[in-house]
C-alpha atoms as a PDB file:
ATOM      1  CA  UNK A   1     -32.562  46.290  56.801  1.00  0.00           C
ATOM      2  CA  UNK A   2     -29.026  47.152  57.986  1.00  0.00           C
ATOM      3  CA  UNK A   3     -29.329  44.582  60.752  1.00  0.00           C
ATOM      4  CA  UNK A   4     -30.243  41.869  58.228  1.00  0.00           C
ATOM      5  CA  UNK A   5     -27.297  42.764  56.040  1.00  0.00           C
ATOM      6  CA  UNK A   6     -24.865  42.594  59.033  1.00  0.00           C
ATOM      7  CA  UNK A   7     -26.272  39.201  60.014  1.00  0.00           C
ATOM      8  CA  UNK A   8     -25.848  37.747  56.493  1.00  0.00           C
ATOM      9  CA  UNK A   9     -22.332  39.161  56.225  1.00  0.00           C
ATOM     10  CA  UNK A  10     -21.313  37.617  59.533  1.00  0.00           C
ATOM     11  CA  UNK A  11     -22.925  34.264  58.603  1.00  0.00           C
ATOM     12  CA  UNK A  12     -21.167  33.941  55.230  1.00  0.00           C
ATOM     13  CA  UNK A  13     -17.837  34.974  56.707  1.00  0.00           C
ATOM     14  CA  UNK A  14     -18.119  32.244  59.312  1.00  0.00           C
ATOM     15  CA  UNK A  15     -19.244  29.749  56.633  1.00  0.00           C
ATOM     16  CA  UNK A  16     -16.283  30.634  54.406  1.00  0.00           C
ATOM     17  CA  UNK A  17     -13.833  30.033  57.266  1.00  0.00           C
ATOM     18  CA  UNK A  18     -15.398  26.634  57.994  1.00  0.00           C
ATOM     19  CA  UNK A  19     -15.279  25.698  54.309  1.00  0.00           C
ATOM     20  CA  UNK A  20     -11.568  26.529  54.046  1.00  0.00           C
ATOM     21  CA  UNK A  21     -10.805  24.547  57.184  1.00  0.00           C
ATOM     22  CA  UNK A  22     -12.758  21.578  55.862  1.00  0.00           C
ATOM     23  CA  UNK A  23     -10.882  21.709  52.568  1.00  0.00           C
ATOM     24  CA  UNK A  24      -7.486  21.755  54.324  1.00  0.00           C
ATOM     25  CA  UNK A  25      -8.301  18.735  56.476  1.00  0.00           C
ATOM     26  CA  UNK A  26      -9.769  16.876  53.470  1.00  0.00           C
ATOM     27  CA  UNK A  27      -6.615  17.511  51.469  1.00  0.00           C
ATOM     28  CA  UNK A  28      -4.347  16.313  54.290  1.00  0.00           C
ATOM     29  CA  UNK A  29      -6.374  13.144  54.826  1.00  0.00           C
ATOM     30  CA  UNK A  30      -6.476  12.413  51.079  1.00  0.00           C
ATOM     31  CA  UNK A  31      -2.704  12.851  50.864  1.00  0.00           C
ATOM     32  CA  UNK A  32      -2.054  10.332  53.650  1.00  0.00           C
ATOM     33  CA  UNK A  33      -4.593   7.947  52.133  1.00  0.00           C
ATOM     34  CA  UNK A  34      -2.819   8.181  48.779  1.00  0.00           C
ATOM     35  CA  UNK A  35       0.573   7.543  50.398  1.00  0.00           C
ATOM     36  CA  UNK A  36      -0.843   4.471  52.118  1.00  0.00           C
ATOM     37  CA  UNK A  37      -2.469   3.206  48.879  1.00  0.00           C
ATOM     38  CA  UNK A  38       0.686   3.713  46.812  1.00  0.00           C
ATOM     39  CA  UNK A  39       2.734   1.825  49.368  1.00  0.00           C
ATOM     40  CA  UNK A  40       0.721  -1.356  48.847  1.00  0.00           C
ATOM     41  CA  UNK A  41       1.637  -4.139  46.407  1.00  0.00           C
ATOM     42  CA  UNK A  42      -0.564  -4.703  43.348  1.00  0.00           C
ATOM     43  CA  UNK A  43      -0.732  -7.216  40.514  1.00  0.00           C
ATOM     44  CA  UNK A  44      -1.898  -5.747  37.206  1.00  0.00           C
ATOM     45  CA  UNK A  45      -1.745  -6.503  33.501  1.00  0.00           C
ATOM     46  CA  UNK A  46      -0.291  -3.535  31.652  1.00  0.00           C
ATOM     47  CA  UNK A  47       0.783  -2.837  28.049  1.00  0.00           C
ATOM     48  CA  UNK A  48       4.492  -2.559  27.358  1.00  0.00           C
ATOM     49  CA  UNK A  49       5.660  -0.742  24.229  1.00  0.00           C
ATOM     50  CA  UNK A  50       8.620  -2.135  22.309  1.00  0.00           C
ATOM     51  CA  UNK A  51      10.241   0.202  19.800  1.00  0.00           C
ATOM     52  CA  UNK A  52      12.682  -0.445  16.970  1.00  0.00           C
ATOM     53  CA  UNK A  53      15.570   1.942  16.431  1.00  0.00           C
ATOM     54  CA  UNK A  54      18.639   2.250  14.196  1.00  0.00           C
ATOM     55  CA  UNK A  55      16.748   0.892  11.181  1.00  0.00           C
ATOM     56  CA  UNK A  56      19.150   1.077   8.183  1.00  0.00           C
ATOM     57  CA  UNK A  57      18.621   3.819   5.631  1.00  0.00           C
ATOM     58  CA  UNK A  58      16.156   2.906   2.867  1.00  0.00           C
ATOM     59  CA  UNK A  59      14.675   0.143   5.037  1.00  0.00           C
ATOM     60  CA  UNK A  60      11.463   0.070   7.069  1.00  0.00           C
ATOM     61  CA  UNK A  61       9.806  -2.096   9.711  1.00  0.00           C
ATOM     62  CA  UNK A  62       6.913  -3.863   7.979  1.00  0.00           C
ATOM     63  CA  UNK A  63       4.587  -4.620  10.914  1.00  0.00           C
ATOM     64  CA  UNK A  64       5.231  -1.453  12.930  1.00  0.00           C
ATOM     65  CA  UNK A  65       7.958   0.686  14.422  1.00  0.00           C
ATOM     66  CA  UNK A  66       6.211   0.026  17.747  1.00  0.00           C
ATOM     67  CA  UNK A  67       4.732  -3.191  19.099  1.00  0.00           C
ATOM     68  CA  UNK A  68       2.916  -3.913  22.333  1.00  0.00           C
ATOM     69  CA  UNK A  69       3.097  -6.877  24.655  1.00  0.00           C
ATOM     70  CA  UNK A  70       0.876  -7.440  27.711  1.00  0.00           C
ATOM     71  CA  UNK A  71       2.673  -8.104  30.990  1.00  0.00           C
ATOM     72  CA  UNK A  72       1.097  -9.479  34.150  1.00  0.00           C
ATOM     73  CA  UNK A  73       3.338  -8.004  36.808  1.00  0.00           C
ATOM     74  CA  UNK A  74       3.535  -7.218  40.516  1.00  0.00           C
ATOM     75  CA  UNK A  75       4.864  -3.969  41.982  1.00  0.00           C
ATOM     76  CA  UNK A  76       4.081  -1.185  44.427  1.00  0.00           C
ATOM     77  CA  UNK A  77       1.554   1.513  43.705  1.00  0.00           C
ATOM     78  CA  UNK A  78       4.440   3.965  43.356  1.00  0.00           C
ATOM     79  CA  UNK A  79       5.928   1.923  40.527  1.00  0.00           C
ATOM     80  CA  UNK A  80       2.634   1.641  38.656  1.00  0.00           C
ATOM     81  CA  UNK A  81       2.014   5.377  39.069  1.00  0.00           C
ATOM     82  CA  UNK A  82       5.442   6.083  37.629  1.00  0.00           C
ATOM     83  CA  UNK A  83       4.668   3.753  34.718  1.00  0.00           C
ATOM     84  CA  UNK A  84       1.426   5.532  33.812  1.00  0.00           C
ATOM     85  CA  UNK A  85       2.884   9.028  34.264  1.00  0.00           C
ATOM     86  CA  UNK A  86       6.219   8.379  32.569  1.00  0.00           C
ATOM     87  CA  UNK A  87       5.580   5.601  30.073  1.00  0.00           C
ATOM     88  CA  UNK A  88       8.721   6.377  28.054  1.00  0.00           C
ATOM     89  CA  UNK A  89      10.833   5.496  31.091  1.00  0.00           C
ATOM     90  CA  UNK A  90       9.850   1.861  30.585  1.00  0.00           C
ATOM     91  CA  UNK A  91      10.240   1.762  26.798  1.00  0.00           C
ATOM     92  CA  UNK A  92      13.407  -0.082  25.867  1.00  0.00           C
ATOM     93  CA  UNK A  93      14.084   0.013  22.091  1.00  0.00           C
ATOM     94  CA  UNK A  94      15.326  -2.886  20.010  1.00  0.00           C
ATOM     95  CA  UNK A  95      18.540  -2.057  18.189  1.00  0.00           C
ATOM     96  CA  UNK A  96      17.888  -3.257  14.618  1.00  0.00           C
ATOM     97  CA  UNK A  97      21.538  -2.890  13.656  1.00  0.00           C
ATOM     98  CA  UNK A  98      22.280  -5.970  15.795  1.00  0.00           C
ATOM     99  CA  UNK A  99      20.016  -8.065  13.560  1.00  0.00           C
ATOM    100  CA  UNK A 100      20.499  -6.448  10.134  1.00  0.00           C
ATOM    101  CA  UNK A 101      24.151  -6.604   9.206  1.00  0.00           C
ATOM    102  CA  UNK A 102      23.944  -7.248   5.436  1.00  0.00           C
ATOM    103  CA  UNK A 103      21.965  -4.439   3.790  1.00  0.00           C
ATOM    104  CA  UNK A 104      22.342  -6.017   0.347  1.00  0.00           C
ATOM    105  CA  UNK A 105      19.513  -8.381   1.316  1.00  0.00           C
ATOM    106  CA  UNK A 106      16.029  -7.125   0.459  1.00  0.00           C
ATOM    107  CA  UNK A 107      14.428  -8.191   3.757  1.00  0.00           C
ATOM    108  CA  UNK A 108      15.348  -9.484   7.198  1.00  0.00           C
ATOM    109  CA  UNK A 109      13.159 -11.385   9.684  1.00  0.00           C
ATOM    110  CA  UNK A 110      13.538 -10.557  13.371  1.00  0.00           C
ATOM    111  CA  UNK A 111      12.262 -12.940  16.081  1.00  0.00           C
ATOM    112  CA  UNK A 112      12.569 -12.035  19.744  1.00  0.00           C
ATOM    113  CA  UNK A 113      11.526 -13.961  22.856  1.00  0.00           C
ATOM    114  CA  UNK A 114       9.538 -11.513  24.975  1.00  0.00           C
ATOM    115  CA  UNK A 115      10.559 -13.100  28.303  1.00  0.00           C
ATOM    116  CA  UNK A 116      14.230 -12.986  27.343  1.00  0.00           C
ATOM    117  CA  UNK A 117      13.883  -9.401  26.130  1.00  0.00           C
ATOM    118  CA  UNK A 118      12.110  -8.272  29.321  1.00  0.00           C
ATOM    119  CA  UNK A 119      14.590  -9.994  31.599  1.00  0.00           C
ATOM    120  CA  UNK A 120      17.305  -7.789  30.064  1.00  0.00           C
ATOM    121  CA  UNK A 121      15.412  -4.549  29.621  1.00  0.00           C
ATOM    122  CA  UNK A 122      12.475  -4.442  32.028  1.00  0.00           C
ATOM    123  CA  UNK A 123      12.602  -2.269  35.131  1.00  0.00           C
ATOM    124  CA  UNK A 124      13.659  -4.035  38.340  1.00  0.00           C
ATOM    125  CA  UNK A 125      10.780  -2.308  40.110  1.00  0.00           C
ATOM    126  CA  UNK A 126       8.415  -4.911  38.659  1.00  0.00           C
ATOM    127  CA  UNK A 127       8.160  -8.645  39.146  1.00  0.00           C
ATOM    128  CA  UNK A 128       7.022 -10.338  35.943  1.00  0.00           C
ATOM    129  CA  UNK A 129       4.426 -13.088  36.359  1.00  0.00           C
ATOM    130  CA  UNK A 130       3.567 -13.778  32.718  1.00  0.00           C
ATOM    131  CA  UNK A 131       3.813 -12.146  29.304  1.00  0.00           C
ATOM    132  CA  UNK A 132       1.744 -12.354  26.119  1.00  0.00           C
ATOM    133  CA  UNK A 133       2.692 -13.019  23.356  1.00  0.00           C
ATOM    134  CA  UNK A 134       5.696 -15.200  24.068  1.00  0.00           C
ATOM    135  CA  UNK A 135       7.415 -14.046  20.881  1.00  0.00           C
ATOM    136  CA  UNK A 136       7.346 -10.903  18.747  1.00  0.00           C
ATOM    137  CA  UNK A 137       8.387 -10.812  15.119  1.00  0.00           C
ATOM    138  CA  UNK A 138       9.024  -8.078  12.602  1.00  0.00           C
ATOM    139  CA  UNK A 139      10.342  -7.826   9.076  1.00  0.00           C
ATOM    140  CA  UNK A 140      12.818  -5.160   8.081  1.00  0.00           C
ATOM    141  CA  UNK A 141      12.391  -4.674   4.330  1.00  0.00           C
ATOM    142  CA  UNK A 142      14.042  -2.472   1.718  1.00  0.00           C
ATOM    143  CA  UNK A 143      11.995   0.587   0.657  1.00  0.00           C
ATOM    144  CA  UNK A 144      11.190   0.585  -3.077  1.00  0.00           C
ATOM    145  CA  UNK A 145       8.841   2.285  -5.547  1.00  0.00           C
ATOM    146  CA  UNK A 146       6.242   0.623  -7.751  1.00  0.00           C
ATOM    147  CA  UNK A 147       3.662   1.909 -10.229  1.00  0.00           C
ATOM    148  CA  UNK A 148       0.317   0.096 -10.163  1.00  0.00           C
ATOM    149  CA  UNK A 149      -3.028   0.572 -11.965  1.00  0.00           C
ATOM    150  CA  UNK A 150      -6.015   2.176 -10.236  1.00  0.00           C
ATOM    151  CA  UNK A 151      -9.258   0.216  -9.976  1.00  0.00           C
ATOM    152  CA  UNK A 152     -12.493   2.102  -9.329  1.00  0.00           C
ATOM    153  CA  UNK A 153     -15.208   0.634  -7.105  1.00  0.00           C
ATOM    154  CA  UNK A 154     -18.353   1.405  -9.101  1.00  0.00           C
ATOM    155  CA  UNK A 155     -22.062   0.954  -8.668  1.00  0.00           C
ATOM    156  CA  UNK A 156     -23.448   3.345 -11.283  1.00  0.00           C
ATOM    157  CA  UNK A 157     -26.421   2.896 -13.597  1.00  0.00           C
ATOM    158  CA  UNK A 158     -27.915   4.969 -16.372  1.00  0.00           C
ATOM    159  CA  UNK A 159     -31.520   5.953 -16.761  1.00  0.00           C
ATOM    160  CA  UNK A 160     -33.616   4.000 -19.277  1.00  0.00           C
ATOM    161  CA  UNK A 161     -32.557   4.699 -22.885  1.00  0.00           C
ATOM    162  CA  UNK A 162     -29.264   6.236 -21.704  1.00  0.00           C
ATOM    163  CA  UNK A 163     -25.804   4.686 -21.687  1.00  0.00           C
ATOM    164  CA  UNK A 164     -22.072   5.214 -21.293  1.00  0.00           C
ATOM    165  CA  UNK A 165     -20.636   6.473 -24.581  1.00  0.00           C
ATOM    166  CA  UNK A 166     -17.039   5.385 -23.948  1.00  0.00           C
ATOM    167  CA  UNK A 167     -14.957   3.681 -21.248  1.00  0.00           C
ATOM    168  CA  UNK A 168     -14.697   5.652 -18.019  1.00  0.00           C
ATOM    169  CA  UNK A 169     -11.701   7.986 -17.808  1.00  0.00           C
ATOM    170  CA  UNK A 170      -9.304   7.927 -14.853  1.00  0.00           C
ATOM    171  CA  UNK A 171      -6.735  10.668 -14.321  1.00  0.00           C
ATOM    172  CA  UNK A 172      -4.246   9.267 -13.501  1.00  0.00           C
ATOM    173  CA  UNK A 173      -5.045   5.640 -14.284  1.00  0.00           C
ATOM    174  CA  UNK A 174      -2.006   4.425 -12.326  1.00  0.00           C
ATOM    175  CA  UNK A 175       0.014   5.819  -9.418  1.00  0.00           C
ATOM    176  CA  UNK A 176       3.424   5.289  -7.848  1.00  0.00           C
ATOM    177  CA  UNK A 177       3.629   3.623  -4.435  1.00  0.00           C
ATOM    178  CA  UNK A 178       6.526   3.779  -2.008  1.00  0.00           C
ATOM    179  CA  UNK A 179       7.046   1.339   0.828  1.00  0.00           C
ATOM    180  CA  UNK A 180       8.585  -1.892   2.019  1.00  0.00           C
ATOM    181  CA  UNK A 181       9.339  -4.231  -0.874  1.00  0.00           C
ATOM    182  CA  UNK A 182       7.766  -7.207   0.870  1.00  0.00           C
ATOM    183  CA  UNK A 183       4.456  -5.282   0.979  1.00  0.00           C
ATOM    184  CA  UNK A 184       4.601  -3.781  -2.511  1.00  0.00           C
ATOM    185  CA  UNK A 185       5.287  -7.223  -4.006  1.00  0.00           C
ATOM    186  CA  UNK A 186       1.769  -8.264  -2.932  1.00  0.00           C
ATOM    187  CA  UNK A 187       0.008  -5.228  -4.435  1.00  0.00           C
ATOM    188  CA  UNK A 188      -1.279  -5.501  -8.013  1.00  0.00           C
ATOM    189  CA  UNK A 189      -3.844  -2.676  -7.909  1.00  0.00           C
ATOM    190  CA  UNK A 190      -5.017   0.157  -5.697  1.00  0.00           C
ATOM    191  CA  UNK A 191      -8.722   0.757  -5.252  1.00  0.00           C
ATOM    192  CA  UNK A 192     -10.854   3.842  -4.803  1.00  0.00           C
ATOM    193  CA  UNK A 193     -13.739   4.431  -2.468  1.00  0.00           C
ATOM    194  CA  UNK A 194     -17.127   3.233  -3.696  1.00  0.00           C
ATOM    195  CA  UNK A 195     -18.876   5.491  -6.211  1.00  0.00           C
ATOM    196  CA  UNK A 196     -22.644   5.078  -6.283  1.00  0.00           C
ATOM    197  CA  UNK A 197     -24.905   6.809  -8.814  1.00  0.00           C
ATOM    198  CA  UNK A 198     -28.329   5.884 -10.168  1.00  0.00           C
ATOM    199  CA  UNK A 199     -30.540   7.066 -13.046  1.00  0.00           C
ATOM    200  CA  UNK A 200     -27.747   8.944 -14.807  1.00  0.00           C
ATOM    201  CA  UNK A 201     -28.824  11.011 -17.810  1.00  0.00           C
ATOM    202  CA  UNK A 202     -25.838  13.339 -18.231  1.00  0.00           C
ATOM    203  CA  UNK A 203     -22.049  13.248 -18.196  1.00  0.00           C
ATOM    204  CA  UNK A 204     -20.217  13.933 -14.936  1.00  0.00           C
ATOM    205  CA  UNK A 205     -16.798  13.969 -13.269  1.00  0.00           C
ATOM    206  CA  UNK A 206     -15.764  13.716  -9.641  1.00  0.00           C
ATOM    207  CA  UNK A 207     -12.744  13.144  -7.399  1.00  0.00           C
ATOM    208  CA  UNK A 208     -12.374   9.752  -5.751  1.00  0.00           C
ATOM    209  CA  UNK A 209     -10.127   9.053  -2.779  1.00  0.00           C
ATOM    210  CA  UNK A 210      -7.864   6.024  -2.980  1.00  0.00           C
ATOM    211  CA  UNK A 211      -8.213   3.526  -0.142  1.00  0.00           C
ATOM    212  CA  UNK A 212      -4.991   3.773   1.918  1.00  0.00           C
ATOM    213  CA  UNK A 213      -2.726   0.782   2.547  1.00  0.00           C
ATOM    214  CA  UNK A 214      -0.937   0.669   5.931  1.00  0.00           C
ATOM    215  CA  UNK A 215       2.779   1.276   5.628  1.00  0.00           C
ATOM    216  CA  UNK A 216       2.569   2.478   1.999  1.00  0.00           C
ATOM    217  CA  UNK A 217       2.912   6.052   0.741  1.00  0.00           C
ATOM    218  CA  UNK A 218       0.890   7.096  -2.312  1.00  0.00           C
ATOM    219  CA  UNK A 219       2.011   9.525  -4.991  1.00  0.00           C
ATOM    220  CA  UNK A 220      -1.566  10.903  -4.938  1.00  0.00           C
ATOM    221  CA  UNK A 221      -4.398  10.303  -2.520  1.00  0.00           C
ATOM    222  CA  UNK A 222      -7.171  10.757  -5.075  1.00  0.00           C
ATOM    223  CA  UNK A 223      -7.947  10.498  -8.790  1.00  0.00           C
ATOM    224  CA  UNK A 224     -10.333  12.279 -11.148  1.00  0.00           C
ATOM    225  CA  UNK A 225     -13.108  10.063 -12.519  1.00  0.00           C
ATOM    226  CA  UNK A 226     -15.061  11.095 -15.622  1.00  0.00           C
ATOM    227  CA  UNK A 227     -17.927   9.420 -17.445  1.00  0.00           C
ATOM    228  CA  UNK A 228     -19.682  10.436 -20.668  1.00  0.00           C
ATOM    229  CA  UNK A 229     -23.424   9.671 -20.692  1.00  0.00           C
ATOM    230  CA  UNK A 230     -25.705  10.173 -23.691  1.00  0.00           C
ATOM    231  CA  UNK A 231     -29.217   9.302 -24.816  1.00  0.00           C
ATOM    232  CA  UNK A 232     -29.678   6.256 -27.051  1.00  0.00           C
ATOM    233  CA  UNK A 233     -31.703   6.520 -30.268  1.00  0.00           C
ATOM    234  CA  UNK A 234     -33.356   3.405 -31.680  1.00  0.00           C
ATOM    235  CA  UNK A 235     -33.962   3.035 -35.412  1.00  0.00           C
ATOM    236  CA  UNK A 236     -35.548   0.433 -37.699  1.00  0.00           C
ATOM    237  CA  UNK A 237     -34.611   0.557 -41.365  1.00  0.00           C
ATOM    238  CA  UNK A 238     -35.239  -1.493 -44.502  1.00  0.00           C
ATOM    239  CA  UNK A 239     -32.036  -2.517 -46.284  1.00  0.00           C
ATOM    240  CA  UNK A 240     -32.016  -4.081 -49.814  1.00  0.00           C
ATOM    241  CA  UNK A 241     -30.167  -7.374 -50.083  1.00  0.00           C
ATOM    242  CA  UNK A 242     -27.179  -7.486 -52.417  1.00  0.00           C
ATOM    243  CA  UNK A 243     -27.499 -10.769 -54.355  1.00  0.00           C
ATOM    244  CA  UNK A 244     -24.377 -10.369 -56.518  1.00  0.00           C
ATOM    245  CA  UNK A 245     -22.694 -13.387 -54.902  1.00  0.00           C
ATOM    246  CA  UNK A 246     -25.713 -15.671 -55.434  1.00  0.00           C
ATOM    247  CA  UNK A 247     -25.978 -17.526 -58.776  1.00  0.00           C
ATOM    248  CA  UNK A 248     -28.911 -16.353 -60.866  1.00  0.00           C
ATOM    249  CA  UNK A 249     -30.618 -19.755 -60.895  1.00  0.00           C
ATOM    250  CA  UNK A 250     -30.446 -19.791 -57.082  1.00  0.00           C
ATOM    251  CA  UNK A 251     -31.909 -16.314 -56.839  1.00  0.00           C
ATOM    252  CA  UNK A 252     -35.109 -17.590 -58.427  1.00  0.00           C
ATOM    253  CA  UNK A 253     -35.704 -19.829 -55.447  1.00  0.00           C
ATOM    254  CA  UNK A 254     -35.482 -16.934 -52.915  1.00  0.00           C
ATOM    255  CA  UNK A 255     -38.404 -14.665 -52.158  1.00  0.00           C
ATOM    256  CA  UNK A 256     -36.819 -12.065 -49.831  1.00  0.00           C
ATOM    257  CA  UNK A 257     -35.284  -8.955 -51.371  1.00  0.00           C
ATOM    258  CA  UNK A 258     -34.625  -6.852 -48.237  1.00  0.00           C
ATOM    259  CA  UNK A 259     -34.004  -7.202 -44.486  1.00  0.00           C
ATOM    260  CA  UNK A 260     -35.279  -5.224 -41.501  1.00  0.00           C
ATOM    261  CA  UNK A 261     -32.392  -3.920 -39.389  1.00  0.00           C
ATOM    262  CA  UNK A 262     -32.867  -2.424 -35.928  1.00  0.00           C
ATOM    263  CA  UNK A 263     -29.984  -0.567 -34.312  1.00  0.00           C
ATOM    264  CA  UNK A 264     -29.102   1.774 -31.456  1.00  0.00           C
ATOM    265  CA  UNK A 265     -26.881   4.845 -31.623  1.00  0.00           C
ATOM    266  CA  UNK A 266     -26.072   7.672 -29.246  1.00  0.00           C
ATOM    267  CA  UNK A 267     -27.667  10.969 -30.148  1.00  0.00           C
ATOM    268  CA  UNK A 268     -24.273  12.679 -30.397  1.00  0.00           C
ATOM    269  CA  UNK A 269     -23.156  10.143 -33.046  1.00  0.00           C
ATOM    270  CA  UNK A 270     -26.326  10.020 -35.132  1.00  0.00           C
ATOM    271  CA  UNK A 271     -26.315  11.151 -38.749  1.00  0.00           C
ATOM    272  CA  UNK A 272     -29.170  10.584 -41.201  1.00  0.00           C
ATOM    273  CA  UNK A 273     -26.742   9.278 -43.815  1.00  0.00           C
ATOM    274  CA  UNK A 274     -26.089   6.251 -41.592  1.00  0.00           C
ATOM    275  CA  UNK A 275     -29.289   4.587 -42.787  1.00  0.00           C
ATOM    276  CA  UNK A 276     -28.098   4.520 -46.418  1.00  0.00           C
ATOM    277  CA  UNK A 277     -24.572   3.436 -45.539  1.00  0.00           C
ATOM    278  CA  UNK A 278     -25.450   0.024 -44.110  1.00  0.00           C
ATOM    279  CA  UNK A 279     -25.341  -2.775 -46.678  1.00  0.00           C
ATOM    280  CA  UNK A 280     -26.835  -6.282 -46.522  1.00  0.00           C
ATOM    281  CA  UNK A 281     -25.053  -8.984 -48.508  1.00  0.00           C
ATOM    282  CA  UNK A 282     -26.193 -12.554 -49.160  1.00  0.00           C
ATOM    283  CA  UNK A 283     -23.013 -14.576 -48.624  1.00  0.00           C
ATOM    284  CA  UNK A 284     -23.567 -17.590 -50.869  1.00  0.00           C
ATOM    285  CA  UNK A 285     -21.404 -20.699 -50.355  1.00  0.00           C
ATOM    286  CA  UNK A 286     -21.236 -24.157 -51.962  1.00  0.00           C
ATOM    287  CA  UNK A 287     -23.014 -25.622 -48.940  1.00  0.00           C
ATOM    288  CA  UNK A 288     -26.029 -23.336 -49.403  1.00  0.00           C
ATOM    289  CA  UNK A 289     -28.003 -25.970 -51.341  1.00  0.00           C
ATOM    290  CA  UNK A 290     -27.287 -28.626 -48.758  1.00  0.00           C
ATOM    291  CA  UNK A 291     -28.119 -26.363 -45.842  1.00  0.00           C
ATOM    292  CA  UNK A 292     -31.058 -24.847 -47.762  1.00  0.00           C
ATOM    293  CA  UNK A 293     -30.198 -21.344 -46.511  1.00  0.00           C
ATOM    294  CA  UNK A 294     -27.957 -18.414 -47.354  1.00  0.00           C
ATOM    295  CA  UNK A 295     -26.630 -16.301 -44.437  1.00  0.00           C
ATOM    296  CA  UNK A 296     -26.840 -12.515 -44.578  1.00  0.00           C
ATOM    297  CA  UNK A 297     -24.013 -10.298 -43.397  1.00  0.00           C
ATOM    298  CA  UNK A 298     -24.112  -6.554 -42.753  1.00  0.00           C
ATOM    299  CA  UNK A 299     -21.323  -4.372 -44.112  1.00  0.00           C
ATOM    300  CA  UNK A 300     -20.294  -0.704 -43.920  1.00  0.00           C
ATOM    301  CA  UNK A 301     -21.726  -0.360 -40.408  1.00  0.00           C
ATOM    302  CA  UNK A 302     -20.906   3.206 -39.276  1.00  0.00           C
ATOM    303  CA  UNK A 303     -18.900   3.717 -36.110  1.00  0.00           C
ATOM    304  CA  UNK A 304     -21.087   4.131 -33.036  1.00  0.00           C
ATOM    305  CA  UNK A 305     -23.927   1.946 -34.279  1.00  0.00           C
ATOM    306  CA  UNK A 306     -24.937  -1.155 -32.311  1.00  0.00           C
ATOM    307  CA  UNK A 307     -26.924  -3.671 -34.353  1.00  0.00           C
ATOM    308  CA  UNK A 308     -29.783  -5.091 -32.316  1.00  0.00           C
ATOM    309  CA  UNK A 309     -31.397  -7.467 -34.820  1.00  0.00           C
ATOM    310  CA  UNK A 310     -31.539  -8.450 -38.495  1.00  0.00           C
ATOM    311  CA  UNK A 311     -34.716 -10.032 -39.847  1.00  0.00           C
ATOM    312  CA  UNK A 312     -34.370 -12.364 -41.585  1.00  0.00           C
ATOM    313  CA  UNK A 313     -30.826 -13.304 -40.652  1.00  0.00           C
ATOM    314  CA  UNK A 314     -30.652 -15.837 -43.515  1.00  0.00           C
ATOM    315  CA  UNK A 315     -32.426 -16.513 -46.793  1.00  0.00           C
ATOM    316  CA  UNK A 316     -34.305 -19.759 -47.255  1.00  0.00           C
ATOM    317  CA  UNK A 317     -35.177 -21.561 -50.488  1.00  0.00           C
ATOM    318  CA  UNK A 318     -38.663 -22.296 -51.745  1.00  0.00           C
ATOM    319  CA  UNK A 319     -39.603 -25.927 -51.418  1.00  0.00           C
ATOM    320  CA  UNK A 320     -40.583 -27.256 -54.858  1.00  0.00           C
ATOM    321  CA  UNK A 321     -42.740 -30.327 -54.913  1.00  0.00           C
ATOM    322  CA  UNK A 322     -42.675 -32.716 -57.871  1.00  0.00           C
END
């Protein structure tokens, strides 16, 4: 047993030494291979970041503070390695103060030829073959505030015989935006995320996030949405017709003395006295004889009641034959 242990110990010690030696030689060979590879010339298409600096106070770059152009360029492996390791070394900012001299103007358009810009600012380590796009533009606009209404994206439905008692409540129903004037001038509303509910049979409230707009700051990122849902009650009542406006001789030619009224009302609004409050009036006019009918109008309809039908909706005369 001791002999086996000594053998294994000797074997692993020898293996460890060989492994270390192999690692050293692999590292040395990889280092020389890397030096050789970096010394070669390559042609690659790489992104180049253009930044804007010295933007006047209370102004902002509309498109972005940073823009990218794609450059097809030739350089050594060392140069490309330096680019990827130290990207900021190659970033040459655009001095906005050279283009925006009159801050009383609300906005300023900046157009820059990318080839001309790179010829002045690009590193001499690279040879430029082509650049895309050929021109970059940006708008420097004054920062302002604007209050706009909130619109809710809704897809909500009530269960049968239920309904929304009143308009939905938004808190707040409008919010203040802050951003570049040229952007805010195009915004009439802000919208929330989609709210989906089905078969509602009770009131509810929830928070809804507002859909962000790039380059615009919101006073609040969400609103509170509330909706009152109640059960609908359906009633059919018999209402006597008030004939006080119809001449007595005309009344003799009319057979109906009441109308059947059907209506809907939310359970929270219902009161038994509603049935006796509704009045039906025959609104007689001079043209009644010619038209051979007298329209009926409903009066004293309590708040909260929705009239569904009135039968009959007009009174007709008997036809007398000679």
